[in-house]
C-alpha cells in the first residue's frame, strides 16, 4: 500500500493504542487486509499508533476491532498529537484585602 496522506479520499485513518498495535497488525496480516502504519510523522506521545486502511476494508476493520475488543479513535486531535510539555496551567493568586 502506498504512503497515504491525511487527505487521501481512498483511505481512512485510525489511532490504535500502542499496547494493541502488534496484536492488530498480526490479525490484519492473517486476514489479508492492506494497511499502512505511520512511523514517519513525529508523535510526541507514544500512546497511539496511526494506522491507514483502504476505504473498501472499513467494515472488515471495524469487525476485527470489535471482535478483538481493540479500542480505536479516528479523532484528528487525539492526545498523541500534542506534546505534554506544551500544556500550561496558569494560576493567579490575588492577595486578600483586609478592611
C-alpha atoms as a PDB file:
ATOM      1  CA  UNK A   1       0.000   0.000   0.000  1.00  0.00           C
ATOM      2  CA  UNK A   2       1.386   3.394  -0.934  1.00  0.00           C
ATOM      3  CA  UNK A   3       2.164   6.019   1.672  1.00  0.00           C
ATOM      4  CA  UNK A   4      -1.200   7.797   2.099  1.00  0.00           C
ATOM      5  CA  UNK A   5      -1.782  11.371   3.086  1.00  0.00           C
ATOM      6  CA  UNK A   6      -4.274  12.612   5.629  1.00  0.00           C
ATOM      7  CA  UNK A   7      -6.451  13.960   2.819  1.00  0.00           C
ATOM      8  CA  UNK A   8      -6.464  10.839   0.664  1.00  0.00           C
ATOM      9  CA  UNK A   9     -10.137  10.009  -0.054  1.00  0.00           C
ATOM     10  CA  UNK A  10      -9.475   6.325  -0.707  1.00  0.00           C
ATOM     11  CA  UNK A  11      -8.102   5.692   2.793  1.00  0.00           C
ATOM     12  CA  UNK A  12      -9.160   6.237   6.362  1.00  0.00           C
ATOM     13  CA  UNK A  13      -7.088   6.657   9.482  1.00  0.00           C
ATOM     14  CA  UNK A  14      -7.457   5.141  12.933  1.00  0.00           C
ATOM     15  CA  UNK A  15      -5.439   5.669  16.078  1.00  0.00           C
ATOM     16  CA  UNK A  16      -4.788   2.393  17.893  1.00  0.00           C
ATOM     17  CA  UNK A  17      -3.413   2.209  21.449  1.00  0.00           C
ATOM     18  CA  UNK A  18       0.248   1.260  21.320  1.00  0.00           C
ATOM     19  CA  UNK A  19      -0.311  -1.727  23.621  1.00  0.00           C
ATOM     20  CA  UNK A  20      -2.655  -3.261  20.978  1.00  0.00           C
ATOM     21  CA  UNK A  21      -0.604  -2.352  17.925  1.00  0.00           C
ATOM     22  CA  UNK A  22       1.188  -5.705  17.473  1.00  0.00           C
ATOM     23  CA  UNK A  23      -1.992  -7.677  18.102  1.00  0.00           C
ATOM     24  CA  UNK A  24      -3.877  -5.741  15.457  1.00  0.00           C
ATOM     25  CA  UNK A  25      -1.015  -5.918  12.973  1.00  0.00           C
ATOM     26  CA  UNK A  26      -0.914  -9.699  13.317  1.00  0.00           C
ATOM     27  CA  UNK A  27      -4.675 -10.061  12.842  1.00  0.00           C
ATOM     28  CA  UNK A  28      -4.682  -7.778   9.811  1.00  0.00           C
ATOM     29  CA  UNK A  29      -1.946  -9.829   8.163  1.00  0.00           C
ATOM     30  CA  UNK A  30      -3.880 -13.046   8.825  1.00  0.00           C
ATOM     31  CA  UNK A  31      -6.996 -11.501   7.263  1.00  0.00           C
ATOM     32  CA  UNK A  32      -5.018 -10.101   4.291  1.00  0.00           C
ATOM     33  CA  UNK A  33      -6.134  -6.545   4.998  1.00  0.00           C
ATOM     34  CA  UNK A  34      -3.893  -3.908   3.434  1.00  0.00           C
ATOM     35  CA  UNK A  35      -2.728  -1.262   5.868  1.00  0.00           C
ATOM     36  CA  UNK A  36      -0.022   1.300   6.435  1.00  0.00           C
ATOM     37  CA  UNK A  37       1.421   2.298   9.813  1.00  0.00           C
ATOM     38  CA  UNK A  38       2.613   5.888  10.012  1.00  0.00           C
ATOM     39  CA  UNK A  39       6.016   5.875  11.683  1.00  0.00           C
ATOM     40  CA  UNK A  40       7.235   8.875   9.663  1.00  0.00           C
ATOM     41  CA  UNK A  41       5.102  11.563  11.275  1.00  0.00           C
ATOM     42  CA  UNK A  42       6.557  12.524  14.634  1.00  0.00           C
ATOM     43  CA  UNK A  43       4.451  11.503  17.585  1.00  0.00           C
ATOM     44  CA  UNK A  44       5.115  13.379  20.807  1.00  0.00           C
ATOM     45  CA  UNK A  45       3.421  10.761  22.947  1.00  0.00           C
ATOM     46  CA  UNK A  46       3.699   7.059  22.150  1.00  0.00           C
ATOM     47  CA  UNK A  47       0.228   6.146  23.386  1.00  0.00           C
ATOM     48  CA  UNK A  48      -1.241   5.745  19.890  1.00  0.00           C
ATOM     49  CA  UNK A  49      -0.127   4.375  16.536  1.00  0.00           C
ATOM     50  CA  UNK A  50      -1.608   5.760  13.316  1.00  0.00           C
ATOM     51  CA  UNK A  51      -2.981   3.075  11.010  1.00  0.00           C
ATOM     52  CA  UNK A  52      -4.233   3.813   7.497  1.00  0.00           C
ATOM     53  CA  UNK A  53      -6.628   1.463   5.698  1.00  0.00           C
ATOM     54  CA  UNK A  54      -8.350   1.369   2.344  1.00  0.00           C
ATOM     55  CA  UNK A  55     -11.970   2.573   2.445  1.00  0.00           C
ATOM     56  CA  UNK A  56     -13.185  -0.693   0.945  1.00  0.00           C
ATOM     57  CA  UNK A  57     -11.963  -2.562   4.053  1.00  0.00           C
ATOM     58  CA  UNK A  58     -13.731  -0.297   6.555  1.00  0.00           C
ATOM     59  CA  UNK A  59     -16.451  -2.800   7.538  1.00  0.00           C
ATOM     60  CA  UNK A  60     -13.950  -5.641   7.929  1.00  0.00           C
ATOM     61  CA  UNK A  61     -11.580  -3.484  10.000  1.00  0.00           C
ATOM     62  CA  UNK A  62     -14.425  -2.397  12.291  1.00  0.00           C
ATOM     63  CA  UNK A  63     -15.474  -6.022  12.696  1.00  0.00           C
ATOM     64  CA  UNK A  64     -11.896  -7.050  13.593  1.00  0.00           C
ATOM     65  CA  UNK A  65     -11.637  -4.232  16.137  1.00  0.00           C
ATOM     66  CA  UNK A  66     -14.953  -5.177  17.695  1.00  0.00           C
ATOM     67  CA  UNK A  67     -14.294  -8.938  17.854  1.00  0.00           C
ATOM     68  CA  UNK A  68     -10.880  -8.408  19.454  1.00  0.00           C
ATOM     69  CA  UNK A  69     -12.010  -5.616  21.801  1.00  0.00           C
ATOM     70  CA  UNK A  70      -9.483  -3.157  20.412  1.00  0.00           C
ATOM     71  CA  UNK A  71     -10.423   0.431  21.091  1.00  0.00           C
ATOM     72  CA  UNK A  72      -9.662   2.909  18.352  1.00  0.00           C
ATOM     73  CA  UNK A  73     -10.342   6.522  17.536  1.00  0.00           C
ATOM     74  CA  UNK A  74     -10.437   8.443  14.309  1.00  0.00           C
ATOM     75  CA  UNK A  75     -10.375  11.810  16.042  1.00  0.00           C
ATOM     76  CA  UNK A  76      -7.899  14.138  14.365  1.00  0.00           C
ATOM     77  CA  UNK A  77      -6.981  15.797  17.666  1.00  0.00           C
ATOM     78  CA  UNK A  78      -6.068  12.816  19.804  1.00  0.00           C
ATOM     79  CA  UNK A  79      -3.792  13.470  22.786  1.00  0.00           C
ATOM     80  CA  UNK A  80      -0.901  11.908  20.863  1.00  0.00           C
ATOM     81  CA  UNK A  81      -0.842  14.962  18.600  1.00  0.00           C
ATOM     82  CA  UNK A  82       0.065  17.286  21.446  1.00  0.00           C
ATOM     83  CA  UNK A  83       3.230  17.486  23.478  1.00  0.00           C
ATOM     84  CA  UNK A  84       2.870  17.154  27.224  1.00  0.00           C
ATOM     85  CA  UNK A  85       5.429  19.918  27.698  1.00  0.00           C
ATOM     86  CA  UNK A  86       3.200  22.381  25.848  1.00  0.00           C
ATOM     87  CA  UNK A  87       0.299  22.057  28.250  1.00  0.00           C
ATOM     88  CA  UNK A  88       0.163  25.041  30.558  1.00  0.00           C
ATOM     89  CA  UNK A  89      -1.706  25.683  33.763  1.00  0.00           C
ATOM     90  CA  UNK A  90      -1.888  29.289  34.880  1.00  0.00           C
ATOM     91  CA  UNK A  91      -2.622  30.013  38.496  1.00  0.00           C
ATOM     92  CA  UNK A  92      -3.307  33.548  39.570  1.00  0.00           C
ATOM     93  CA  UNK A  93      -3.254  34.355  43.265  1.00  0.00           C
ATOM     94  CA  UNK A  94      -4.847  37.573  44.371  1.00  0.00           C
ATOM     95  CA  UNK A  95      -3.930  38.860  47.821  1.00  0.00           C
ATOM     96  CA  UNK A  96      -6.794  39.332  50.227  1.00  0.00           C
ATOM     97  CA  UNK A  97      -7.526  42.871  51.226  1.00  0.00           C
ATOM     98  CA  UNK A  98      -8.262  43.425  54.881  1.00  0.00           C
ATOM     99  CA  UNK A  99     -10.565  46.241  55.935  1.00  0.00           C
END
